C-alpha atoms as a PDB file:
ATOM      1  CA  MET A   1     -25.275  -3.520  -6.679  1.00  0.00           C
ATOM      2  CA  ALA A   2     -27.558  -1.177  -8.556  1.00  0.00           C
ATOM      3  CA  ASP A   3     -28.648   0.684  -5.418  1.00  0.00           C
ATOM      4  CA  TRP A   4     -25.211   0.660  -3.780  1.00  0.00           C
ATOM      5  CA  THR A   5     -22.966   3.697  -3.405  1.00  0.00           C
ATOM      6  CA  PRO A   6     -19.555   3.472  -1.734  1.00  0.00           C
ATOM      7  CA  LYS A   7     -19.202   5.320   1.556  1.00  0.00           C
ATOM      8  CA  VAL A   8     -15.467   4.634   1.648  1.00  0.00           C
ATOM      9  CA  VAL A   9     -13.125   4.561  -1.347  1.00  0.00           C
ATOM     10  CA  ALA A  10      -9.870   2.778  -0.482  1.00  0.00           C
ATOM     11  CA  LEU A  11      -7.151   3.509  -3.008  1.00  0.00           C
ATOM     12  CA  ASP A  12      -3.773   1.893  -3.518  1.00  0.00           C
ATOM     13  CA  ILE A  13      -1.159   4.371  -4.748  1.00  0.00           C
ATOM     14  CA  ASP A  14       1.587   2.895  -6.948  1.00  0.00           C
ATOM     15  CA  GLY A  15       0.107   1.291 -10.047  1.00  0.00           C
ATOM     16  CA  THR A  16      -3.372   2.545  -9.170  1.00  0.00           C
ATOM     17  CA  LEU A  17      -3.195   6.323  -8.725  1.00  0.00           C
ATOM     18  CA  LEU A  18       0.364   6.641 -10.057  1.00  0.00           C
ATOM     19  CA  LYS A  19       1.699   5.129 -13.259  1.00  0.00           C
ATOM     20  CA  TRP A  20       4.487   3.156 -11.622  1.00  0.00           C
ATOM     21  CA  LEU A  21       6.621   0.807 -13.735  1.00  0.00           C
ATOM     22  CA  ASP A  22       9.327  -1.589 -12.562  1.00  0.00           C
ATOM     23  CA  GLY A  23      12.717  -0.067 -13.308  1.00  0.00           C
ATOM     24  CA  GLN A  24      11.267   3.353 -14.026  1.00  0.00           C
ATOM     25  CA  ALA A  25      13.839   5.958 -13.036  1.00  0.00           C
ATOM     26  CA  GLU A  26      12.117   9.213 -13.910  1.00  0.00           C
ATOM     27  CA  ASP A  27       9.725  10.926 -11.534  1.00  0.00           C
ATOM     28  CA  TYR A  28       6.340   9.281 -11.927  1.00  0.00           C
ATOM     29  CA  GLU A  29       4.553  10.908  -9.003  1.00  0.00           C
ATOM     30  CA  THR A  30       1.998  12.732 -11.095  1.00  0.00           C
ATOM     31  CA  ILE A  31      -1.737  12.716 -10.439  1.00  0.00           C
ATOM     32  CA  THR A  32      -3.687  12.930 -13.691  1.00  0.00           C
ATOM     33  CA  ALA A  33      -6.735  15.148 -14.053  1.00  0.00           C
ATOM     34  CA  PRO A  34      -9.185  12.221 -14.436  1.00  0.00           C
ATOM     35  CA  VAL A  35      -7.988  10.629 -11.167  1.00  0.00           C
ATOM     36  CA  TYR A  36      -7.951  13.943  -9.308  1.00  0.00           C
ATOM     37  CA  ASP A  37     -11.426  14.883 -10.519  1.00  0.00           C
ATOM     38  CA  ALA A  38     -12.928  11.467  -9.725  1.00  0.00           C
ATOM     39  CA  ILE A  39     -11.587  11.602  -6.168  1.00  0.00           C
ATOM     40  CA  HIS A  40     -13.064  15.040  -5.629  1.00  0.00           C
ATOM     41  CA  ARG A  41     -16.432  13.954  -7.034  1.00  0.00           C
ATOM     42  CA  ALA A  42     -16.424  11.152  -4.465  1.00  0.00           C
ATOM     43  CA  LEU A  43     -15.687  13.705  -1.741  1.00  0.00           C
ATOM     44  CA  ASP A  44     -18.469  15.946  -3.054  1.00  0.00           C
ATOM     45  CA  ALA A  45     -20.841  12.992  -2.655  1.00  0.00           C
ATOM     46  CA  GLY A  46     -19.791  12.535   0.985  1.00  0.00           C
ATOM     47  CA  ALA A  47     -17.546   9.489   0.575  1.00  0.00           C
ATOM     48  CA  HIS A  48     -14.426   9.028   2.672  1.00  0.00           C
ATOM     49  CA  ILE A  49     -11.206   8.673   0.663  1.00  0.00           C
ATOM     50  CA  VAL A  50      -8.647   6.396   2.347  1.00  0.00           C
ATOM     51  CA  LEU A  51      -5.180   6.020   0.845  1.00  0.00           C
ATOM     52  CA  SER A  52      -4.052   2.426   1.401  1.00  0.00           C
ATOM     53  CA  SER A  53      -0.510   1.482   0.453  1.00  0.00           C
ATOM     54  CA  GLY A  54       2.541  -0.557   1.254  1.00  0.00           C
ATOM     55  CA  ARG A  55       4.398   2.732   1.475  1.00  0.00           C
ATOM     56  CA  SER A  56       5.587   3.982   4.835  1.00  0.00           C
ATOM     57  CA  PRO A  57       3.640   6.951   6.253  1.00  0.00           C
ATOM     58  CA  HIS A  58       6.090   9.635   5.136  1.00  0.00           C
ATOM     59  CA  GLY A  59       5.852   8.338   1.564  1.00  0.00           C
ATOM     60  CA  MET A  60       2.073   8.832   1.555  1.00  0.00           C
ATOM     61  CA  THR A  61       1.552  12.322   2.907  1.00  0.00           C
ATOM     62  CA  ARG A  62       2.914  14.002  -0.211  1.00  0.00           C
ATOM     63  CA  ILE A  63       0.430  12.042  -2.326  1.00  0.00           C
ATOM     64  CA  ALA A  64      -2.379  13.367  -0.117  1.00  0.00           C
ATOM     65  CA  ASP A  65      -0.966  16.862  -0.638  1.00  0.00           C
ATOM     66  CA  MET A  66      -0.908  16.377  -4.418  1.00  0.00           C
ATOM     67  CA  LEU A  67      -4.562  15.311  -4.262  1.00  0.00           C
ATOM     68  CA  ASP A  68      -5.446  18.330  -2.101  1.00  0.00           C
ATOM     69  CA  ILE A  69      -6.971  16.072   0.564  1.00  0.00           C
ATOM     70  CA  PRO A  70      -8.205  16.627   3.104  1.00  0.00           C
ATOM     71  CA  ARG A  71      -9.915  19.769   1.919  1.00  0.00           C
ATOM     72  CA  GLU A  72      -9.814  22.928   3.992  1.00  0.00           C
ATOM     73  CA  GLU A  73     -11.984  22.684   7.101  1.00  0.00           C
ATOM     74  CA  ALA A  74     -12.475  18.933   6.513  1.00  0.00           C
ATOM     75  CA  ASP A  75     -11.611  16.309   9.103  1.00  0.00           C
ATOM     76  CA  GLN A  76      -8.167  14.766   8.952  1.00  0.00           C
ATOM     77  CA  LEU A  77      -7.623  12.183   6.238  1.00  0.00           C
ATOM     78  CA  TRP A  78      -7.517   8.488   7.183  1.00  0.00           C
ATOM     79  CA  VAL A  79      -4.443   6.711   5.788  1.00  0.00           C
ATOM     80  CA  VAL A  80      -3.517   3.003   5.903  1.00  0.00           C
ATOM     81  CA  ALA A  81       0.251   2.646   5.521  1.00  0.00           C
ATOM     82  CA  SER A  82       2.888  -0.106   5.630  1.00  0.00           C
ATOM     83  CA  ASN A  83       0.422  -2.676   4.254  1.00  0.00           C
ATOM     84  CA  GLY A  84      -1.948  -2.125   7.171  1.00  0.00           C
ATOM     85  CA  ALA A  85       0.574  -2.107  10.022  1.00  0.00           C
ATOM     86  CA  VAL A  86       0.201   1.660  10.525  1.00  0.00           C
ATOM     87  CA  VAL A  87      -3.039   3.656  10.471  1.00  0.00           C
ATOM     88  CA  PHE A  88      -2.728   7.425  10.803  1.00  0.00           C
ATOM     89  CA  ARG A  89      -4.610  10.681  10.402  1.00  0.00           C
ATOM     90  CA  TYR A  90      -3.242  13.591   8.363  1.00  0.00           C
ATOM     91  CA  PRO A  91      -2.464  16.459   8.702  1.00  0.00           C
ATOM     92  CA  PRO A  92      -0.585  16.608  10.941  1.00  0.00           C
ATOM     93  CA  MET A  93       0.561  12.988  10.993  1.00  0.00           C
ATOM     94  CA  GLU A  94      -1.092  11.317  13.977  1.00  0.00           C
ATOM     95  CA  VAL A  95      -0.537   7.558  14.282  1.00  0.00           C
ATOM     96  CA  VAL A  96      -3.684   6.062  15.800  1.00  0.00           C
ATOM     97  CA  HIS A  97      -2.919   2.343  15.393  1.00  0.00           C
ATOM     98  CA  GLU A  98       0.278   0.372  14.856  1.00  0.00           C
ATOM     99  CA  GLU A  99       1.123  -3.334  14.813  1.00  0.00           C
ATOM    100  CA  THR A 100       4.695  -4.533  15.412  1.00  0.00           C
ATOM    101  CA  PHE A 101       6.460  -7.899  15.455  1.00  0.00           C
ATOM    102  CA  ASP A 102       9.842  -9.563  15.939  1.00  0.00           C
ATOM    103  CA  ALA A 103      11.169  -9.794  12.391  1.00  0.00           C
ATOM    104  CA  ALA A 104      14.607 -11.225  13.217  1.00  0.00           C
ATOM    105  CA  PRO A 105      13.873 -14.955  12.577  1.00  0.00           C
ATOM    106  CA  ALA A 106      12.179 -14.335   9.230  1.00  0.00           C
ATOM    107  CA  VAL A 107      14.861 -11.918   8.034  1.00  0.00           C
ATOM    108  CA  ALA A 108      17.620 -14.373   9.010  1.00  0.00           C
ATOM    109  CA  ALA A 109      15.840 -17.163   7.105  1.00  0.00           C
ATOM    110  CA  VAL A 110      15.602 -15.075   3.917  1.00  0.00           C
ATOM    111  CA  LEU A 111      19.186 -13.798   4.130  1.00  0.00           C
ATOM    112  CA  GLU A 112      20.448 -17.369   4.430  1.00  0.00           C
ATOM    113  CA  HIS A 113      19.227 -17.866   0.840  1.00  0.00           C
ATOM    114  CA  HIS A 114      19.843 -14.301  -0.386  1.00  0.00           C
ATOM    115  CA  PRO A 115      22.871 -13.078   1.636  1.00  0.00           C
ATOM    116  CA  GLU A 116      23.376 -10.027  -0.575  1.00  0.00           C
ATOM    117  CA  ALA A 117      19.785  -8.810  -0.229  1.00  0.00           C
ATOM    118  CA  LEU A 118      18.977  -5.284   0.886  1.00  0.00           C
ATOM    119  CA  VAL A 119      17.047  -4.838   4.146  1.00  0.00           C
ATOM    120  CA  ALA A 120      15.109  -1.754   5.224  1.00  0.00           C
ATOM    121  CA  VAL A 121      12.948  -0.676   8.160  1.00  0.00           C
ATOM    122  CA  GLU A 122      11.143   2.646   8.424  1.00  0.00           C
ATOM    123  CA  GLU A 123      12.820   5.318  10.536  1.00  0.00           C
ATOM    124  CA  ARG A 124       9.904   7.670  11.112  1.00  0.00           C
ATOM    125  CA  ALA A 125      11.892  10.251  13.069  1.00  0.00           C
ATOM    126  CA  VAL A 126      13.888  11.248   9.979  1.00  0.00           C
ATOM    127  CA  GLY A 127      11.299  10.429   7.316  1.00  0.00           C
ATOM    128  CA  GLY A 128      13.368   7.629   5.842  1.00  0.00           C
ATOM    129  CA  TYR A 129      14.716   4.140   6.443  1.00  0.00           C
ATOM    130  CA  ARG A 130      17.449   2.251   8.248  1.00  0.00           C
ATOM    131  CA  VAL A 131      19.097   0.081   5.573  1.00  0.00           C
ATOM    132  CA  ASN A 132      21.983  -2.364   5.430  1.00  0.00           C
ATOM    133  CA  ARG A 133      22.961  -0.938   2.027  1.00  0.00           C
ATOM    134  CA  VAL A 134      21.545   1.777  -0.184  1.00  0.00           C
ATOM    135  CA  PHE A 135      18.502   0.757  -2.253  1.00  0.00           C
ATOM    136  CA  PRO A 136      18.331   1.484  -6.015  1.00  0.00           C
ATOM    137  CA  GLU A 137      17.310   5.053  -6.748  1.00  0.00           C
ATOM    138  CA  GLY A 138      13.589   5.715  -6.484  1.00  0.00           C
ATOM    139  CA  GLU A 139      12.677   2.441  -4.764  1.00  0.00           C
ATOM    140  CA  ILE A 140      12.241   3.856  -1.269  1.00  0.00           C
ATOM    141  CA  SER A 141      11.688   7.455  -0.236  1.00  0.00           C
ATOM    142  CA  GLY A 142      13.492   9.675   2.212  1.00  0.00           C
ATOM    143  CA  GLU A 143      16.895   9.424   3.876  1.00  0.00           C
ATOM    144  CA  GLN A 144      18.659   6.044   3.978  1.00  0.00           C
ATOM    145  CA  ILE A 145      20.660   5.470   7.162  1.00  0.00           C
ATOM    146  CA  ILE A 146      23.243   2.679   6.838  1.00  0.00           C
ATOM    147  CA  THR A 147      22.792   0.284   9.783  1.00  0.00           C
ATOM    148  CA  GLU A 148      23.861  -3.273  10.611  1.00  0.00           C
ATOM    149  CA  VAL A 149      21.074  -5.815  10.014  1.00  0.00           C
ATOM    150  CA  ASP A 150      21.121  -6.940  13.657  1.00  0.00           C
ATOM    151  CA  ASP A 151      20.438  -3.351  14.705  1.00  0.00           C
ATOM    152  CA  ILE A 152      17.799  -2.805  12.014  1.00  0.00           C
ATOM    153  CA  ILE A 153      15.696  -5.666  13.364  1.00  0.00           C
ATOM    154  CA  GLY A 154      16.908  -5.582  16.963  1.00  0.00           C
ATOM    155  CA  GLU A 155      13.537  -4.415  18.265  1.00  0.00           C
ATOM    156  CA  PRO A 156       9.909  -4.920  17.195  1.00  0.00           C
ATOM    157  CA  VAL A 157       9.062  -3.261  13.853  1.00  0.00           C
ATOM    158  CA  SER A 158       5.891  -2.687  11.857  1.00  0.00           C
ATOM    159  CA  ARG A 159       7.298  -3.776   8.482  1.00  0.00           C
ATOM    160  CA  VAL A 160      10.530  -4.995   6.901  1.00  0.00           C
ATOM    161  CA  ILE A 161      11.485  -4.688   3.224  1.00  0.00           C
ATOM    162  CA  ILE A 162      13.863  -7.247   1.730  1.00  0.00           C
ATOM    163  CA  ARG A 163      15.026  -6.574  -1.834  1.00  0.00           C
ATOM    164  CA  ASP A 164      17.393  -8.520  -4.060  1.00  0.00           C
ATOM    165  CA  PRO A 165      18.038  -6.668  -7.347  1.00  0.00           C
ATOM    166  CA  ASP A 166      19.688  -9.829  -8.735  1.00  0.00           C
ATOM    167  CA  ALA A 167      16.640 -12.066  -8.150  1.00  0.00           C
ATOM    168  CA  THR A 168      13.100 -12.196  -9.538  1.00  0.00           C
ATOM    169  CA  ALA A 169       9.615 -12.035  -8.048  1.00  0.00           C
ATOM    170  CA  ASP A 170       9.215 -15.741  -8.816  1.00  0.00           C
ATOM    171  CA  ASP A 171      12.413 -16.480  -6.864  1.00  0.00           C
ATOM    172  CA  PHE A 172      10.956 -14.745  -3.821  1.00  0.00           C
ATOM    173  CA  LEU A 173       7.543 -16.373  -4.216  1.00  0.00           C
ATOM    174  CA  GLU A 174       9.172 -19.801  -4.266  1.00  0.00           C
ATOM    175  CA  LEU A 175      11.426 -18.985  -1.305  1.00  0.00           C
ATOM    176  CA  ALA A 176       8.639 -17.550   0.847  1.00  0.00           C
ATOM    177  CA  SER A 177       6.478 -20.579   0.161  1.00  0.00           C
ATOM    178  CA  LYS A 178       9.327 -22.952   1.032  1.00  0.00           C
ATOM    179  CA  LEU A 179      10.328 -21.153   4.232  1.00  0.00           C
ATOM    180  CA  GLY A 180       6.805 -20.675   5.550  1.00  0.00           C
ATOM    181  CA  LEU A 181       8.123 -17.654   7.505  1.00  0.00           C
ATOM    182  CA  HIS A 182       6.369 -18.741  10.694  1.00  0.00           C
ATOM    183  CA  GLY A 183       5.024 -15.912  12.833  1.00  0.00           C
ATOM    184  CA  THR A 184       5.142 -13.531   9.916  1.00  0.00           C
ATOM    185  CA  ASP A 185       2.944 -12.566   6.984  1.00  0.00           C
ATOM    186  CA  TYR A 186       4.584 -11.646   3.707  1.00  0.00           C
ATOM    187  CA  VAL A 187       3.817 -10.133   0.325  1.00  0.00           C
ATOM    188  CA  VAL A 188       5.978 -10.411  -2.785  1.00  0.00           C
ATOM    189  CA  GLY A 189       5.937  -7.372  -5.051  1.00  0.00           C
ATOM    190  CA  TRP A 190       6.331  -6.993  -8.809  1.00  0.00           C
ATOM    191  CA  THR A 191      10.080  -7.578  -8.453  1.00  0.00           C
ATOM    192  CA  ALA A 192      12.221  -9.532  -5.965  1.00  0.00           C
ATOM    193  CA  TRP A 193      10.741  -7.388  -3.207  1.00  0.00           C
ATOM    194  CA  LEU A 194       9.467  -8.996  -0.018  1.00  0.00           C
ATOM    195  CA  ASP A 195       7.383  -7.145   2.561  1.00  0.00           C
ATOM    196  CA  LEU A 196       7.315  -8.810   5.980  1.00  0.00           C
ATOM    197  CA  SER A 197       4.551  -7.846   8.412  1.00  0.00           C
ATOM    198  CA  PRO A 198       2.888  -9.094  11.606  1.00  0.00           C
ATOM    199  CA  VAL A 199       0.617 -12.117  11.226  1.00  0.00           C
ATOM    200  CA  GLY A 200      -2.947 -11.137  10.314  1.00  0.00           C
ATOM    201  CA  VAL A 201      -1.970  -7.614   9.277  1.00  0.00           C
ATOM    202  CA  SER A 202      -2.890  -6.437   5.786  1.00  0.00           C
ATOM    203  CA  LYS A 203      -4.516  -3.484   4.094  1.00  0.00           C
ATOM    204  CA  ALA A 204      -7.831  -5.162   4.943  1.00  0.00           C
ATOM    205  CA  SER A 205      -7.092  -5.182   8.676  1.00  0.00           C
ATOM    206  CA  GLY A 206      -6.007  -1.547   8.546  1.00  0.00           C
ATOM    207  CA  LEU A 207      -9.151  -0.557   6.663  1.00  0.00           C
ATOM    208  CA  GLN A 208     -11.277  -2.494   9.144  1.00  0.00           C
ATOM    209  CA  HIS A 209      -9.789  -0.322  11.876  1.00  0.00           C
ATOM    210  CA  VAL A 210     -10.779   2.802   9.908  1.00  0.00           C
ATOM    211  CA  CYS A 211     -14.303   1.495   9.276  1.00  0.00           C
ATOM    212  CA  ASP A 212     -14.729   0.705  12.972  1.00  0.00           C
ATOM    213  CA  ARG A 213     -13.838   4.306  13.793  1.00  0.00           C
ATOM    214  CA  LEU A 214     -16.230   5.620  11.122  1.00  0.00           C
ATOM    215  CA  GLY A 215     -19.104   3.345  12.174  1.00  0.00           C
ATOM    216  CA  LEU A 216     -19.088   1.633   8.769  1.00  0.00           C
ATOM    217  CA  THR A 217     -18.423  -1.906   7.517  1.00  0.00           C
ATOM    218  CA  ALA A 218     -16.538  -3.632   4.714  1.00  0.00           C
ATOM    219  CA  ALA A 219     -19.793  -3.680   2.739  1.00  0.00           C
ATOM    220  CA  ASP A 220     -19.552   0.108   2.459  1.00  0.00           C
ATOM    221  CA  VAL A 221     -16.095   0.038   0.857  1.00  0.00           C
ATOM    222  CA  LEU A 222     -14.975   0.306  -2.764  1.00  0.00           C
ATOM    223  CA  ALA A 223     -11.327  -0.793  -2.927  1.00  0.00           C
ATOM    224  CA  ILE A 224      -9.060  -0.459  -5.963  1.00  0.00           C
ATOM    225  CA  GLY A 225      -5.557  -1.913  -6.275  1.00  0.00           C
ATOM    226  CA  ASP A 226      -3.086  -3.712  -8.505  1.00  0.00           C
ATOM    227  CA  GLY A 227      -0.575  -5.617  -6.365  1.00  0.00           C
ATOM    228  CA  ARG A 228      -0.345  -8.838  -4.399  1.00  0.00           C
ATOM    229  CA  ASN A 229      -0.493  -6.719  -1.251  1.00  0.00           C
ATOM    230  CA  ASP A 230      -4.005  -5.676  -2.349  1.00  0.00           C
ATOM    231  CA  ILE A 231      -5.448  -9.205  -2.456  1.00  0.00           C
ATOM    232  CA  GLU A 232      -6.839  -9.233   1.103  1.00  0.00           C
ATOM    233  CA  MET A 233      -8.256  -5.730   0.659  1.00  0.00           C
ATOM    234  CA  LEU A 234      -9.997  -6.634  -2.606  1.00  0.00           C
ATOM    235  CA  ARG A 235     -11.531  -9.764  -1.086  1.00  0.00           C
ATOM    236  CA  TRP A 236     -12.604  -7.911   2.073  1.00  0.00           C
ATOM    237  CA  ALA A 237     -14.244  -4.870   0.502  1.00  0.00           C
ATOM    238  CA  GLY A 238     -17.886  -4.719  -0.509  1.00  0.00           C
ATOM    239  CA  ARG A 239     -16.544  -4.149  -4.009  1.00  0.00           C
ATOM    240  CA  GLY A 240     -12.928  -4.934  -4.823  1.00  0.00           C
ATOM    241  CA  VAL A 241     -11.604  -3.880  -8.225  1.00  0.00           C
ATOM    242  CA  ALA A 242      -8.260  -4.876  -9.722  1.00  0.00           C
ATOM    243  CA  MET A 243      -6.369  -2.676 -12.137  1.00  0.00           C
ATOM    244  CA  GLY A 244      -6.059  -3.976 -15.677  1.00  0.00           C
ATOM    245  CA  GLN A 245      -2.301  -4.575 -15.493  1.00  0.00           C
ATOM    246  CA  ALA A 246      -2.527  -6.662 -12.284  1.00  0.00           C
ATOM    247  CA  VAL A 247      -1.269 -10.247 -12.253  1.00  0.00           C
ATOM    248  CA  GLU A 248      -3.900 -12.968 -12.525  1.00  0.00           C
ATOM    249  CA  GLU A 249      -3.985 -13.867  -8.827  1.00  0.00           C
ATOM    250  CA  VAL A 250      -4.876 -10.259  -7.994  1.00  0.00           C
ATOM    251  CA  LYS A 251      -7.592 -10.168 -10.651  1.00  0.00           C
ATOM    252  CA  ALA A 252      -8.964 -13.473  -9.332  1.00  0.00           C
ATOM    253  CA  ALA A 253      -9.361 -11.934  -5.859  1.00  0.00           C
ATOM    254  CA  ALA A 254     -11.405  -8.998  -7.178  1.00  0.00           C
ATOM    255  CA  ASP A 255     -15.091  -8.604  -7.971  1.00  0.00           C
ATOM    256  CA  ASP A 256     -14.232  -6.826 -11.195  1.00  0.00           C
ATOM    257  CA  VAL A 257     -11.304  -5.617 -13.283  1.00  0.00           C
ATOM    258  CA  THR A 258     -11.014  -2.080 -14.595  1.00  0.00           C
ATOM    259  CA  ALA A 259      -8.684  -0.628 -17.222  1.00  0.00           C
ATOM    260  CA  SER A 260      -4.944  -0.385 -16.614  1.00  0.00           C
ATOM    261  CA  VAL A 261      -3.325   2.512 -14.798  1.00  0.00           C
ATOM    262  CA  HIS A 262      -2.200   3.878 -18.179  1.00  0.00           C
ATOM    263  CA  ASP A 263      -5.836   3.991 -19.284  1.00  0.00           C
ATOM    264  CA  GLU A 264      -7.071   5.684 -16.084  1.00  0.00           C
ATOM    265  CA  GLY A 265      -8.640   2.537 -14.632  1.00  0.00           C
ATOM    266  CA  ALA A 266      -9.065   3.982 -11.136  1.00  0.00           C
ATOM    267  CA  ALA A 267     -10.830   7.064 -12.500  1.00  0.00           C
ATOM    268  CA  LEU A 268     -13.068   4.915 -14.676  1.00  0.00           C
ATOM    269  CA  GLU A 269     -14.166   2.779 -11.716  1.00  0.00           C
ATOM    270  CA  MET A 270     -14.797   5.762  -9.441  1.00  0.00           C
ATOM    271  CA  SER A 271     -16.754   7.472 -12.227  1.00  0.00           C
ATOM    272  CA  ARG A 272     -19.126   4.511 -12.278  1.00  0.00           C
ATOM    273  CA  TRP A 273     -20.303   5.497  -8.785  1.00  0.00           C
ATOM    274  CA  PHE A 274     -19.511   9.211  -8.870  1.00  0.00           C
ATOM    275  CA  PRO A 275     -20.159  10.272 -12.478  1.00  0.00           C
ATOM    276  CA  PRO A 276     -19.214  13.657 -13.906  1.00  0.00           C
ATOM    277  CA  ASP A 277     -21.988  16.160 -14.273  1.00  0.00           C
ATOM    278  CA  ALA A 278     -23.804  15.678 -17.541  1.00  0.00           C
END
């Protein structure tokens, strides 16, 4: 790839741009200077920066603001949210593509095995979530509106979060594999955190939508991420790079592995293609 330069840089947020840790209570939403500078060097070179996260849209706009993107007079930023189910431009927030599905059967199947699990669906109108019970502090952003599960999933949704603080990621991996969750795609997070989404929807499908609008292809994309929800994106991109602290299955899906988030891995990878001035 000696003559290759990314035209799109797709960046996961938590664990890639931000030093997220499971169980971390203090505010971790801090953009370091190396990450900030590398992103702006990419912009200087004409690359498109696309934030690509499992976060809901309202949880991503403040990260864009912290990065000072888009720049003044620049076109709206492209953002892939909710693990690819929502694609929007910002600012202002303008949803340009959304995938929804009937989550009720899959949620019922999971709750049969984890009846005390927490369930959440984005409530965009208030910048928060409808939840059956309040999530642990810092795990989801915005207002939490207590709602019965049947009402939470009573209509098509773009994404459902199921969280059991008393279980493990391995518990959820085993359960999801056993259930099959027909008609639904799923991703298990670092903890007992299950994201349910429409079949065929991932960060890769969301980024493909962005590339189609930009007149570019996957071959033009540098993607960086650390979670299981990044696997499709890393495989799809012209160059997919896993963060150093990623689990082995994420690293196996990538073309390369950079340093961990604590050692500025995202900045190091971007600097390979957009180096600082000598």
